[in-house]
C-alpha atoms as a PDB file:
ATOM      1  CA  MET A   1    -116.720-201.218 175.031  1.00  0.00           C
ATOM      2  CA  ASN A   2    -117.036-197.751 176.968  1.00  0.00           C
ATOM      3  CA  ALA A   3    -115.142-198.210 180.450  1.00  0.00           C
ATOM      4  CA  GLN A   4    -117.471-195.784 182.065  1.00  0.00           C
ATOM      5  CA  ALA A   5    -120.782-198.082 181.092  1.00  0.00           C
ATOM      6  CA  LEU A   6    -118.847-201.034 183.036  1.00  0.00           C
ATOM      7  CA  ASP A   7    -120.132-202.405 186.501  1.00  0.00           C
ATOM      8  CA  SER A   8    -117.577-203.323 188.813  1.00  0.00           C
ATOM      9  CA  ALA A   9    -117.560-206.896 188.210  1.00  0.00           C
ATOM     10  CA  ALA A  10    -116.920-206.584 184.665  1.00  0.00           C
ATOM     11  CA  ALA A  11    -114.032-204.061 185.106  1.00  0.00           C
ATOM     12  CA  GLU A  12    -112.163-206.421 187.641  1.00  0.00           C
ATOM     13  CA  SER A  13    -112.735-209.161 184.856  1.00  0.00           C
ATOM     14  CA  LEU A  14    -111.363-206.854 182.073  1.00  0.00           C
ATOM     15  CA  LEU A  15    -108.136-205.876 184.520  1.00  0.00           C
ATOM     16  CA  ALA A  16    -107.595-209.340 184.921  1.00  0.00           C
ATOM     17  CA  PHE A  17    -107.682-210.069 181.038  1.00  0.00           C
ATOM     18  CA  TRP A  18    -104.856-207.447 180.924  1.00  0.00           C
ATOM     19  CA  ARG A  19    -102.848-208.478 183.234  1.00  0.00           C
ATOM     20  CA  ASP A  20    -102.753-212.450 182.018  1.00  0.00           C
ATOM     21  CA  ALA A  21    -102.098-210.915 178.388  1.00  0.00           C
ATOM     22  CA  GLY A  22     -98.809-209.049 179.814  1.00  0.00           C
ATOM     23  CA  VAL A  23    -100.064-205.539 180.400  1.00  0.00           C
ATOM     24  CA  ASP A  24     -98.310-204.264 183.304  1.00  0.00           C
ATOM     25  CA  ALA A  25     -98.300-200.328 182.234  1.00  0.00           C
ATOM     26  CA  CYS A  26    -100.970-197.950 181.641  1.00  0.00           C
ATOM     27  CA  PHE A  27     -99.459-195.039 178.995  1.00  0.00           C
ATOM     28  CA  GLU A  28    -100.967-191.373 178.765  1.00  0.00           C
ATOM     29  CA  ASP A  29    -100.925-189.965 175.420  1.00  0.00           C
ATOM     30  CA  ALA A  30     -98.498-187.093 176.866  1.00  0.00           C
ATOM     31  CA  PRO A  31     -95.756-187.599 179.338  1.00  0.00           C
ATOM     32  CA  VAL A  32     -96.347-186.180 182.923  1.00  0.00           C
ATOM     33  CA  ASP A  33     -93.886-185.030 185.383  1.00  0.00           C
ATOM     34  CA  ARG A  34     -95.205-186.846 188.717  1.00  0.00           C
ATOM     35  CA  THR A  35     -92.342-184.968 190.632  1.00  0.00           C
ATOM     36  CA  HIS A  36     -93.384-181.317 189.711  1.00  0.00           C
ATOM     37  CA  VAL A  37     -95.371-179.189 192.311  1.00  0.00           C
ATOM     38  CA  ALA A  38     -97.457-177.033 190.545  1.00  0.00           C
ATOM     39  CA  PRO A  39     -97.396-173.228 192.208  1.00  0.00           C
ATOM     40  CA  PRO A  40    -100.353-172.255 194.615  1.00  0.00           C
ATOM     41  CA  PRO A  41    -102.967-170.266 193.010  1.00  0.00           C
ATOM     42  CA  ALA A  42    -102.179-166.487 192.779  1.00  0.00           C
ATOM     43  CA  VAL A  43    -103.912-164.723 195.716  1.00  0.00           C
ATOM     44  CA  LYS A  44    -104.918-161.065 194.681  1.00  0.00           C
ATOM     45  CA  ALA A  45    -103.153-158.432 196.790  1.00  0.00           C
ATOM     46  CA  VAL A  46    -105.754-156.891 199.114  1.00  0.00           C
ATOM     47  CA  THR A  47    -105.139-153.514 199.970  1.00  0.00           C
ATOM     48  CA  LYS A  48    -106.001-152.251 203.421  1.00  0.00           C
ATOM     49  CA  ALA A  49    -107.920-149.096 203.226  1.00  0.00           C
ATOM     50  CA  THR A  50    -106.767-146.457 205.631  1.00  0.00           C
ATOM     51  CA  ALA A  51    -108.181-143.007 206.272  1.00  0.00           C
ATOM     52  CA  SER A  52    -105.933-140.320 205.125  1.00  0.00           C
ATOM     53  CA  VAL A  53    -104.746-137.962 207.906  1.00  0.00           C
ATOM     54  CA  VAL A  54    -104.191-134.413 206.880  1.00  0.00           C
ATOM     55  CA  ALA A  55    -102.640-131.919 208.646  1.00  0.00           C
ATOM     56  CA  LEU A  56    -104.881-128.629 208.763  1.00  0.00           C
ATOM     57  CA  PRO A  57    -104.034-125.145 207.948  1.00  0.00           C
ATOM     58  CA  VAL A  58    -102.784-122.783 211.123  1.00  0.00           C
ATOM     59  CA  THR A  59    -104.196-119.070 210.505  1.00  0.00           C
ATOM     60  CA  GLY A  60    -102.227-115.810 211.333  1.00  0.00           C
ATOM     61  CA  ASP A  61    -104.812-115.215 214.280  1.00  0.00           C
ATOM     62  CA  ALA A  62    -103.609-118.244 215.920  1.00  0.00           C
ATOM     63  CA  ALA A  63     -99.655-117.429 215.586  1.00  0.00           C
ATOM     64  CA  ALA A  64    -100.683-114.088 217.091  1.00  0.00           C
ATOM     65  CA  GLU A  65    -102.579-115.299 219.908  1.00  0.00           C
ATOM     66  CA  ALA A  66     -99.598-117.712 220.772  1.00  0.00           C
ATOM     67  CA  ARG A  67     -97.063-115.119 221.114  1.00  0.00           C
ATOM     68  CA  ARG A  68     -99.567-113.043 223.332  1.00  0.00           C
ATOM     69  CA  LEU A  69    -100.334-115.903 225.884  1.00  0.00           C
ATOM     70  CA  ALA A  70     -96.771-116.943 225.760  1.00  0.00           C
ATOM     71  CA  ALA A  71     -95.530-113.498 226.590  1.00  0.00           C
ATOM     72  CA  GLY A  72     -98.044-113.605 229.474  1.00  0.00           C
ATOM     73  CA  ALA A  73     -96.731-116.030 231.376  1.00  0.00           C
ATOM     74  CA  ASP A  74     -93.998-115.379 233.580  1.00  0.00           C
ATOM     75  CA  THR A  75     -93.868-119.081 235.169  1.00  0.00           C
ATOM     76  CA  LEU A  76     -93.780-122.627 233.810  1.00  0.00           C
ATOM     77  CA  GLU A  77     -96.921-123.107 235.702  1.00  0.00           C
ATOM     78  CA  ALA A  78     -98.736-120.130 234.355  1.00  0.00           C
ATOM     79  CA  LEU A  79     -96.981-121.364 230.638  1.00  0.00           C
ATOM     80  CA  GLY A  80     -98.823-124.992 231.155  1.00  0.00           C
ATOM     81  CA  GLU A  81    -102.315-123.068 232.033  1.00  0.00           C
ATOM     82  CA  ALA A  82    -102.080-120.652 228.825  1.00  0.00           C
ATOM     83  CA  ILE A  83    -101.353-123.649 226.666  1.00  0.00           C
ATOM     84  CA  ALA A  84    -104.122-125.499 227.810  1.00  0.00           C
ATOM     85  CA  GLY A  85    -106.365-122.732 227.179  1.00  0.00           C
ATOM     86  CA  PHE A  86    -104.921-122.232 223.537  1.00  0.00           C
ATOM     87  CA  THR A  87    -107.536-123.325 220.922  1.00  0.00           C
ATOM     88  CA  GLY A  88    -105.365-122.294 217.834  1.00  0.00           C
ATOM     89  CA  CYS A  89    -103.211-125.421 217.375  1.00  0.00           C
ATOM     90  CA  PRO A  90    -105.380-127.723 214.901  1.00  0.00           C
ATOM     91  CA  LEU A  91    -104.318-130.540 216.733  1.00  0.00           C
ATOM     92  CA  ARG A  92    -106.407-129.705 219.801  1.00  0.00           C
ATOM     93  CA  ASP A  93    -109.453-130.757 217.498  1.00  0.00           C
ATOM     94  CA  MET A  94    -108.304-133.826 215.981  1.00  0.00           C
ATOM     95  CA  GLY A  95    -108.813-136.186 218.516  1.00  0.00           C
ATOM     96  CA  ALA A  96    -106.642-135.152 221.473  1.00  0.00           C
ATOM     97  CA  LYS A  97    -107.787-135.665 224.871  1.00  0.00           C
ATOM     98  CA  GLN A  98    -105.913-132.828 226.301  1.00  0.00           C
ATOM     99  CA  SER A  99    -102.756-130.451 226.323  1.00  0.00           C
ATOM    100  CA  VAL A 100     -99.481-132.232 227.306  1.00  0.00           C
ATOM    101  CA  PHE A 101     -96.679-129.530 228.311  1.00  0.00           C
ATOM    102  CA  SER A 102     -94.158-131.052 230.733  1.00  0.00           C
ATOM    103  CA  ARG A 103     -92.607-133.018 233.364  1.00  0.00           C
ATOM    104  CA  GLY A 104     -89.524-132.981 235.204  1.00  0.00           C
ATOM    105  CA  ASN A 105     -87.646-130.694 237.287  1.00  0.00           C
ATOM    106  CA  PRO A 106     -88.374-126.838 236.683  1.00  0.00           C
ATOM    107  CA  GLN A 107     -85.428-125.522 237.470  1.00  0.00           C
ATOM    108  CA  ALA A 108     -83.549-128.244 235.612  1.00  0.00           C
ATOM    109  CA  PRO A 109     -80.031-127.749 233.905  1.00  0.00           C
ATOM    110  CA  ILE A 110     -81.054-129.455 230.816  1.00  0.00           C
ATOM    111  CA  MET A 111     -84.353-129.233 228.452  1.00  0.00           C
ATOM    112  CA  VAL A 112     -85.266-132.221 226.811  1.00  0.00           C
ATOM    113  CA  ILE A 113     -87.511-131.625 223.535  1.00  0.00           C
ATOM    114  CA  GLY A 114     -89.417-134.336 221.762  1.00  0.00           C
ATOM    115  CA  GLU A 115     -91.503-133.993 218.750  1.00  0.00           C
ATOM    116  CA  GLY A 116     -95.183-134.388 220.314  1.00  0.00           C
ATOM    117  CA  PRO A 117     -97.454-136.644 222.537  1.00  0.00           C
ATOM    118  CA  GLY A 118     -98.559-140.268 221.568  1.00  0.00           C
ATOM    119  CA  ALA A 119    -101.278-142.683 222.679  1.00  0.00           C
ATOM    120  CA  ASP A 120    -100.220-142.924 226.565  1.00  0.00           C
ATOM    121  CA  GLU A 121     -98.917-139.048 226.886  1.00  0.00           C
ATOM    122  CA  ASP A 122    -102.245-137.964 225.669  1.00  0.00           C
ATOM    123  CA  ALA A 123    -104.147-140.516 228.204  1.00  0.00           C
ATOM    124  CA  GLN A 124    -101.960-139.264 231.172  1.00  0.00           C
ATOM    125  CA  GLY A 125    -101.416-135.871 230.026  1.00  0.00           C
ATOM    126  CA  LEU A 126     -97.634-135.730 230.701  1.00  0.00           C
ATOM    127  CA  PRO A 127     -94.940-136.128 228.126  1.00  0.00           C
ATOM    128  CA  PHE A 128     -92.874-139.212 227.640  1.00  0.00           C
ATOM    129  CA  VAL A 129     -94.740-141.552 229.788  1.00  0.00           C
ATOM    130  CA  GLY A 130     -95.043-144.599 227.302  1.00  0.00           C
ATOM    131  CA  LYS A 131     -92.219-147.344 226.168  1.00  0.00           C
ATOM    132  CA  ALA A 132     -90.198-144.978 224.434  1.00  0.00           C
ATOM    133  CA  GLY A 133     -90.373-142.437 227.678  1.00  0.00           C
ATOM    134  CA  LYS A 134     -89.241-145.467 230.034  1.00  0.00           C
ATOM    135  CA  LEU A 135     -86.267-146.190 227.812  1.00  0.00           C
ATOM    136  CA  LEU A 136     -85.583-142.321 227.695  1.00  0.00           C
ATOM    137  CA  ASP A 137     -85.763-142.334 231.757  1.00  0.00           C
ATOM    138  CA  ARG A 138     -83.606-145.502 232.169  1.00  0.00           C
ATOM    139  CA  MET A 139     -81.008-143.845 229.903  1.00  0.00           C
ATOM    140  CA  LEU A 140     -80.994-140.710 231.884  1.00  0.00           C
ATOM    141  CA  ALA A 141     -80.707-142.127 235.058  1.00  0.00           C
ATOM    142  CA  GLU A 142     -77.795-144.495 234.184  1.00  0.00           C
ATOM    143  CA  ALA A 143     -76.173-141.253 233.071  1.00  0.00           C
ATOM    144  CA  GLY A 144     -76.565-139.503 236.271  1.00  0.00           C
ATOM    145  CA  LEU A 145     -79.149-137.176 235.106  1.00  0.00           C
ATOM    146  CA  ALA A 146     -82.897-138.223 235.943  1.00  0.00           C
ATOM    147  CA  ASP A 147     -83.155-135.396 238.413  1.00  0.00           C
ATOM    148  CA  ARG A 148     -81.779-132.754 236.055  1.00  0.00           C
ATOM    149  CA  VAL A 149     -83.831-132.494 233.278  1.00  0.00           C
ATOM    150  CA  PHE A 150     -87.110-130.696 232.281  1.00  0.00           C
ATOM    151  CA  ILE A 151     -88.761-132.806 229.299  1.00  0.00           C
ATOM    152  CA  THR A 152     -91.477-131.215 226.900  1.00  0.00           C
ATOM    153  CA  ASN A 153     -92.461-131.588 223.017  1.00  0.00           C
ATOM    154  CA  THR A 154     -92.109-129.211 219.936  1.00  0.00           C
ATOM    155  CA  VAL A 155     -96.261-129.695 220.049  1.00  0.00           C
ATOM    156  CA  PHE A 156     -98.611-130.267 222.833  1.00  0.00           C
ATOM    157  CA  TRP A 157    -101.299-132.345 221.606  1.00  0.00           C
ATOM    158  CA  ARG A 158    -101.557-135.430 220.226  1.00  0.00           C
ATOM    159  CA  PRO A 159    -101.216-135.835 216.154  1.00  0.00           C
ATOM    160  CA  PRO A 160    -104.096-138.368 215.043  1.00  0.00           C
ATOM    161  CA  GLY A 161    -102.674-141.625 214.358  1.00  0.00           C
ATOM    162  CA  ASN A 162     -99.378-140.651 215.926  1.00  0.00           C
ATOM    163  CA  ARG A 163     -97.830-139.031 212.687  1.00  0.00           C
ATOM    164  CA  THR A 164     -95.044-136.980 212.662  1.00  0.00           C
ATOM    165  CA  PRO A 165     -96.440-132.873 213.380  1.00  0.00           C
ATOM    166  CA  SER A 166     -96.534-130.798 210.416  1.00  0.00           C
ATOM    167  CA  PRO A 167     -93.778-127.651 210.375  1.00  0.00           C
ATOM    168  CA  ALA A 168     -97.105-125.436 210.547  1.00  0.00           C
ATOM    169  CA  GLU A 169     -98.135-127.108 213.736  1.00  0.00           C
ATOM    170  CA  GLN A 170     -94.952-127.082 215.402  1.00  0.00           C
ATOM    171  CA  ALA A 171     -94.701-123.310 214.284  1.00  0.00           C
ATOM    172  CA  VAL A 172     -97.529-122.246 216.233  1.00  0.00           C
ATOM    173  CA  CYS A 173     -96.526-123.986 219.316  1.00  0.00           C
ATOM    174  CA  ALA A 174     -93.465-122.525 218.697  1.00  0.00           C
ATOM    175  CA  PRO A 175     -94.004-119.170 221.099  1.00  0.00           C
ATOM    176  CA  PHE A 176     -94.622-121.502 224.024  1.00  0.00           C
ATOM    177  CA  LEU A 177     -91.834-123.783 223.410  1.00  0.00           C
ATOM    178  CA  GLU A 178     -89.349-120.840 223.413  1.00  0.00           C
ATOM    179  CA  ARG A 179     -90.897-119.107 226.323  1.00  0.00           C
ATOM    180  CA  ALA A 180     -90.059-122.175 228.183  1.00  0.00           C
ATOM    181  CA  PHE A 181     -86.515-122.075 227.364  1.00  0.00           C
ATOM    182  CA  PHE A 182     -86.504-118.566 228.329  1.00  0.00           C
ATOM    183  CA  LEU A 183     -88.091-119.167 231.636  1.00  0.00           C
ATOM    184  CA  LEU A 184     -86.004-122.333 232.271  1.00  0.00           C
ATOM    185  CA  LYS A 185     -82.656-120.608 230.753  1.00  0.00           C
ATOM    186  CA  PRO A 186     -80.965-124.366 230.552  1.00  0.00           C
ATOM    187  CA  LYS A 187     -77.367-124.589 230.436  1.00  0.00           C
ATOM    188  CA  ALA A 188     -77.968-127.768 227.757  1.00  0.00           C
ATOM    189  CA  VAL A 189     -80.619-128.814 225.454  1.00  0.00           C
ATOM    190  CA  LEU A 190     -81.433-132.416 224.459  1.00  0.00           C
ATOM    191  CA  LEU A 191     -83.014-132.803 221.181  1.00  0.00           C
ATOM    192  CA  LEU A 192     -84.766-136.025 220.363  1.00  0.00           C
ATOM    193  CA  GLY A 193     -85.386-137.046 216.739  1.00  0.00           C
ATOM    194  CA  ALA A 194     -85.607-135.354 213.486  1.00  0.00           C
ATOM    195  CA  ALA A 195     -88.819-133.424 213.807  1.00  0.00           C
ATOM    196  CA  ALA A 196     -87.500-131.865 217.122  1.00  0.00           C
ATOM    197  CA  ALA A 197     -84.172-130.931 215.960  1.00  0.00           C
ATOM    198  CA  LYS A 198     -85.438-129.381 212.260  1.00  0.00           C
ATOM    199  CA  SER A 199     -87.928-127.354 214.250  1.00  0.00           C
ATOM    200  CA  VAL A 200     -85.712-125.984 217.096  1.00  0.00           C
ATOM    201  CA  LEU A 201     -82.862-125.709 214.886  1.00  0.00           C
ATOM    202  CA  SER A 202     -84.631-124.279 211.612  1.00  0.00           C
ATOM    203  CA  THR A 203     -82.581-126.992 209.521  1.00  0.00           C
ATOM    204  CA  ASP A 204     -83.618-129.458 206.827  1.00  0.00           C
ATOM    205  CA  GLU A 205     -80.404-131.786 207.723  1.00  0.00           C
ATOM    206  CA  GLY A 206     -81.679-134.944 208.844  1.00  0.00           C
ATOM    207  CA  ILE A 207     -81.061-136.342 212.031  1.00  0.00           C
ATOM    208  CA  MET A 208     -78.245-138.835 210.759  1.00  0.00           C
ATOM    209  CA  ARG A 209     -76.276-135.817 209.893  1.00  0.00           C
ATOM    210  CA  LEU A 210     -77.330-133.893 212.778  1.00  0.00           C
ATOM    211  CA  ARG A 211     -77.047-136.400 215.816  1.00  0.00           C
ATOM    212  CA  GLY A 212     -73.995-136.238 218.122  1.00  0.00           C
ATOM    213  CA  ASN A 213     -73.107-132.629 216.832  1.00  0.00           C
ATOM    214  CA  TRP A 214     -73.342-129.921 219.161  1.00  0.00           C
ATOM    215  CA  LYS A 215     -75.656-126.876 218.112  1.00  0.00           C
ATOM    216  CA  GLU A 216     -76.462-123.809 219.204  1.00  0.00           C
ATOM    217  CA  TRP A 217     -80.198-122.652 220.163  1.00  0.00           C
ATOM    218  CA  ARG A 218     -80.765-119.143 220.408  1.00  0.00           C
ATOM    219  CA  LEU A 219     -83.592-116.987 220.729  1.00  0.00           C
ATOM    220  CA  ALA A 220     -84.066-114.047 218.478  1.00  0.00           C
ATOM    221  CA  GLU A 221     -85.366-112.154 221.460  1.00  0.00           C
ATOM    222  CA  GLY A 222     -84.529-112.286 225.124  1.00  0.00           C
ATOM    223  CA  ASN A 223     -80.841-113.021 224.851  1.00  0.00           C
ATOM    224  CA  VAL A 224     -81.038-116.635 225.727  1.00  0.00           C
ATOM    225  CA  SER A 225     -79.122-119.125 223.918  1.00  0.00           C
ATOM    226  CA  ALA A 226     -77.879-122.813 224.966  1.00  0.00           C
ATOM    227  CA  PRO A 227     -75.772-125.442 223.631  1.00  0.00           C
ATOM    228  CA  ALA A 228     -78.420-128.140 222.004  1.00  0.00           C
ATOM    229  CA  LEU A 229     -77.352-131.851 221.074  1.00  0.00           C
ATOM    230  CA  PRO A 230     -79.579-133.804 218.547  1.00  0.00           C
ATOM    231  CA  THR A 231     -79.943-137.652 218.991  1.00  0.00           C
ATOM    232  CA  PHE A 232     -82.215-140.370 218.383  1.00  0.00           C
ATOM    233  CA  HIS A 233     -85.549-140.384 219.295  1.00  0.00           C
ATOM    234  CA  PRO A 234     -86.197-143.175 221.937  1.00  0.00           C
ATOM    235  CA  ALA A 235     -89.093-144.586 219.706  1.00  0.00           C
ATOM    236  CA  PHE A 236     -86.509-145.416 217.170  1.00  0.00           C
ATOM    237  CA  LEU A 237     -84.255-146.891 219.673  1.00  0.00           C
ATOM    238  CA  LEU A 238     -86.970-149.214 220.308  1.00  0.00           C
ATOM    239  CA  ARG A 239     -87.366-150.189 216.363  1.00  0.00           C
ATOM    240  CA  THR A 240     -83.706-150.175 215.865  1.00  0.00           C
ATOM    241  CA  PRO A 241     -81.558-151.393 218.983  1.00  0.00           C
ATOM    242  CA  MET A 242     -78.407-151.387 217.048  1.00  0.00           C
ATOM    243  CA  ALA A 243     -78.466-147.365 217.254  1.00  0.00           C
ATOM    244  CA  LYS A 244     -78.677-147.511 221.213  1.00  0.00           C
ATOM    245  CA  LYS A 245     -75.025-147.522 221.383  1.00  0.00           C
ATOM    246  CA  ALA A 246     -74.537-144.181 219.190  1.00  0.00           C
ATOM    247  CA  ALA A 247     -77.495-142.499 221.486  1.00  0.00           C
ATOM    248  CA  TRP A 248     -75.807-143.673 224.600  1.00  0.00           C
ATOM    249  CA  ALA A 249     -72.731-141.627 223.382  1.00  0.00           C
ATOM    250  CA  ASP A 250     -74.991-138.674 222.925  1.00  0.00           C
ATOM    251  CA  MET A 251     -75.983-138.959 226.497  1.00  0.00           C
ATOM    252  CA  LEU A 252     -72.486-139.166 227.864  1.00  0.00           C
ATOM    253  CA  ALA A 253     -71.527-136.215 226.222  1.00  0.00           C
ATOM    254  CA  LEU A 254     -74.457-134.749 227.382  1.00  0.00           C
ATOM    255  CA  ALA A 255     -73.551-135.491 231.091  1.00  0.00           C
ATOM    256  CA  ALA A 256     -69.848-134.514 230.319  1.00  0.00           C
ATOM    257  CA  ARG A 257     -71.045-130.907 228.401  1.00  0.00           C
ATOM    258  CA  LEU A 258     -73.339-130.419 231.873  1.00  0.00           C
ATOM    259  CA  ASP A 259     -70.600-131.159 234.197  1.00  0.00           C
ATOM    260  CA  ASP A 260     -67.926-128.727 232.491  1.00  0.00           C
ATOM    261  CA  ALA A 261     -70.535-126.099 232.452  1.00  0.00           C
ATOM    262  CA  SER A 262     -70.955-126.363 236.399  1.00  0.00           C
ATOM    263  CA  ASN A 263     -67.455-126.367 237.091  1.00  0.00           C
END
């Protein structure tokens, strides 16, 4: 008899017959492990589509124009205006809202250099005003340096996607950065992060090797130089709190160096 053809009453009668006959278990043809938990079905990974951000080339004419404009600026204010009017850096036409030059004391004994503006800086037109900037300000204040710094970057327009500026982008902005260094003539320079340290010091060494070690930044022209201290970028410290102790030691070393230079 086909069990599927039985109605419910017939099925109950058949079960009762088996029970009365002493059948109290049902066995399958093959053993089944009831405790085994089957793995979840494999889910195919979905690759998120992201637009690639490519650095555009810089022309020789742009570099020459940057040098000309920078040399013609006799004050930091005039230098900021020259940067705002400079059209040779590709970052200007890659989504940046405005140029971002500097903030701080224009007669400061310390020049602080980061890599480039982020979204908050692009919106406000000032460097280091986002979360990383707030951390930097707190560290400077705790070290007694809050009013003794002039803050800028190696490039003056926000790189798309907050990527690291390319060496070519840094190079075309270098005449303006060097002119700021010449006009400010600081007693010490603080380099924030690998991109800034590598660009200013013309080195391929990583920030882990560079940080905490005093270097010299000397201009090829103008006979201007200053001791430069590479350290971690505040954005890195926000991602890696364990590095704050080393960065704080660098900040104290900077303050001590400045005190020695003032005596």
